C-alpha atoms as a PDB file:
ATOM      1  CA  MET A   1     -20.753  16.419   6.346  1.00  0.00           C
ATOM      2  CA  LYS A   2     -22.967  18.932   4.424  1.00  0.00           C
ATOM      3  CA  THR A   3     -20.566  21.124   2.143  1.00  0.00           C
ATOM      4  CA  ARG A   4     -21.381  23.579  -0.570  1.00  0.00           C
ATOM      5  CA  ILE A   5     -20.480  23.362  -4.256  1.00  0.00           C
ATOM      6  CA  VAL A   6     -17.880  26.387  -4.925  1.00  0.00           C
ATOM      7  CA  ARG A   7     -16.206  28.157  -7.721  1.00  0.00           C
ATOM      8  CA  ILE A   8     -12.758  27.255  -8.384  1.00  0.00           C
ATOM      9  CA  GLY A   9     -11.222  29.194 -11.030  1.00  0.00           C
ATOM     10  CA  ASN A  10     -13.352  28.597 -14.270  1.00  0.00           C
ATOM     11  CA  SER A  11     -14.836  25.336 -12.658  1.00  0.00           C
ATOM     12  CA  GLN A  12     -16.667  24.382  -9.649  1.00  0.00           C
ATOM     13  CA  GLY A  13     -15.716  21.825  -7.111  1.00  0.00           C
ATOM     14  CA  VAL A  14     -15.970  20.668  -3.368  1.00  0.00           C
ATOM     15  CA  ARG A  15     -13.164  21.203  -1.014  1.00  0.00           C
ATOM     16  CA  LEU A  16     -12.817  17.980   0.918  1.00  0.00           C
ATOM     17  CA  PRO A  17     -11.484  18.465   4.663  1.00  0.00           C
ATOM     18  CA  ARG A  18      -8.208  16.345   5.433  1.00  0.00           C
ATOM     19  CA  PRO A  19      -9.248  14.532   8.131  1.00  0.00           C
ATOM     20  CA  LEU A  20     -11.965  13.209   5.392  1.00  0.00           C
ATOM     21  CA  LEU A  21      -9.549  12.403   2.865  1.00  0.00           C
ATOM     22  CA  GLU A  22      -7.020  10.738   5.638  1.00  0.00           C
ATOM     23  CA  GLN A  23     -10.039   8.331   6.444  1.00  0.00           C
ATOM     24  CA  SER A  24     -10.827   7.608   3.013  1.00  0.00           C
ATOM     25  CA  GLY A  25      -7.391   6.755   2.113  1.00  0.00           C
ATOM     26  CA  LEU A  26      -7.393   8.108  -1.243  1.00  0.00           C
ATOM     27  CA  GLY A  27      -4.371   9.081  -3.091  1.00  0.00           C
ATOM     28  CA  GLU A  28      -3.593  11.926  -5.422  1.00  0.00           C
ATOM     29  CA  ASP A  29      -5.142   9.988  -8.224  1.00  0.00           C
ATOM     30  CA  VAL A  30      -8.898   9.546  -8.113  1.00  0.00           C
ATOM     31  CA  VAL A  31     -11.494   8.365 -10.766  1.00  0.00           C
ATOM     32  CA  LEU A  32     -14.953  10.367 -10.869  1.00  0.00           C
ATOM     33  CA  ARG A  33     -17.956   8.941 -12.102  1.00  0.00           C
ATOM     34  CA  ALA A  34     -21.419  10.619 -12.158  1.00  0.00           C
ATOM     35  CA  THR A  35     -24.846   8.660 -11.494  1.00  0.00           C
ATOM     36  CA  PRO A  36     -28.121  10.438 -11.183  1.00  0.00           C
ATOM     37  CA  GLY A  37     -27.998  12.627  -8.103  1.00  0.00           C
ATOM     38  CA  ARG A  38     -24.511  11.882  -6.924  1.00  0.00           C
ATOM     39  CA  ILE A  39     -20.857  11.985  -7.945  1.00  0.00           C
ATOM     40  CA  VAL A  40     -18.748   9.117  -6.617  1.00  0.00           C
ATOM     41  CA  ILE A  41     -14.861   9.644  -5.972  1.00  0.00           C
ATOM     42  CA  GLU A  42     -13.056   6.440  -6.156  1.00  0.00           C
ATOM     43  CA  ALA A  43      -9.080   5.712  -5.599  1.00  0.00           C
ATOM     44  CA  ALA A  44      -7.351   5.036  -9.231  1.00  0.00           C
ATOM     45  CA  ARG A  45      -6.207   1.769  -9.655  1.00  0.00           C
ATOM     46  CA  ALA A  46      -3.140   0.620 -11.464  1.00  0.00           C
ATOM     47  CA  PRO A  47      -3.644  -1.543 -14.525  1.00  0.00           C
ATOM     48  CA  ARG A  48      -3.502  -5.249 -13.914  1.00  0.00           C
ATOM     49  CA  ALA A  49      -3.092  -4.218 -10.069  1.00  0.00           C
ATOM     50  CA  GLY A  50      -3.168  -7.247  -8.096  1.00  0.00           C
ATOM     51  CA  TRP A  51      -2.443  -9.697 -10.815  1.00  0.00           C
ATOM     52  CA  ALA A  52       0.977 -10.861  -9.648  1.00  0.00           C
ATOM     53  CA  ASP A  53      -0.775 -11.876  -6.302  1.00  0.00           C
ATOM     54  CA  ALA A  54      -3.357 -13.660  -7.785  1.00  0.00           C
ATOM     55  CA  ALA A  55      -1.069 -15.445 -10.127  1.00  0.00           C
ATOM     56  CA  LYS A  56       0.973 -16.533  -7.049  1.00  0.00           C
ATOM     57  CA  ALA A  57      -2.045 -17.680  -5.327  1.00  0.00           C
ATOM     58  CA  MET A  58      -3.148 -19.585  -8.428  1.00  0.00           C
ATOM     59  CA  HIS A  59       0.241 -21.388  -8.619  1.00  0.00           C
ATOM     60  CA  ALA A  60       0.044 -22.296  -4.633  1.00  0.00           C
ATOM     61  CA  ALA A  61      -3.391 -23.851  -5.330  1.00  0.00           C
ATOM     62  CA  GLY A  62      -2.456 -25.678  -8.527  1.00  0.00           C
ATOM     63  CA  ASP A  63      -4.665 -23.717 -10.846  1.00  0.00           C
ATOM     64  CA  ASP A  64      -2.367 -22.532 -13.162  1.00  0.00           C
ATOM     65  CA  ALA A  65      -1.745 -25.777 -15.314  1.00  0.00           C
ATOM     66  CA  VAL A  66      -1.831 -25.380 -19.111  1.00  0.00           C
ATOM     67  CA  LEU A  67      -5.419 -26.215 -20.415  1.00  0.00           C
ATOM     68  CA  ASP A  68      -4.644 -27.043 -24.157  1.00  0.00           C
ATOM     69  CA  THR A  69      -2.378 -29.808 -25.044  1.00  0.00           C
ATOM     70  CA  PRO A  70       0.451 -28.664 -27.330  1.00  0.00           C
ATOM     71  CA  ALA A  71       0.038 -29.490 -30.915  1.00  0.00           C
ATOM     72  CA  ALA A  72       2.562 -28.984 -33.529  1.00  0.00           C
ATOM     73  CA  THR A  73       2.018 -27.007 -36.466  1.00  0.00           C
ATOM     74  CA  ARG A  74       3.031 -27.414 -40.273  1.00  0.00           C
ATOM     75  CA  PHE A  75       5.973 -24.573 -39.480  1.00  0.00           C
ATOM     76  CA  ASP A  76       7.051 -26.722 -36.564  1.00  0.00           C
ATOM     77  CA  ARG A  77       7.132 -29.978 -38.618  1.00  0.00           C
ATOM     78  CA  GLU A  78       8.544 -28.763 -42.127  1.00  0.00           C
ATOM     79  CA  GLU A  79       9.908 -25.247 -41.752  1.00  0.00           C
ATOM     80  CA  TRP A  80      11.768 -24.959 -38.346  1.00  0.00           C
ATOM     81  CA  GLU A  81      15.170 -25.498 -38.172  1.00  0.00           C
ATOM     82  CA  TRP A  82      17.344 -25.556 -35.164  1.00  0.00           C
ATOM     83  CA  ARG A  83      20.868 -24.008 -35.561  1.00  0.00           C
END
């Protein structure tokens, strides 16, 4: 689809047709990045998106074991008091 860069207030922009937006699945928040000869519009992802599902998959596969053996420190041996 060919279009033009148009003036929008003090800026310039591209009007995106609704069918194109619907096909892309983009929401309201997007990330823009420029590379030579192109501007890329990508869906903005929330920080740590998908981490909960990845953790569940790791647990199901048994890949969530503690790698380091616990080691008591001087604080644990000499200064810690249970009350």
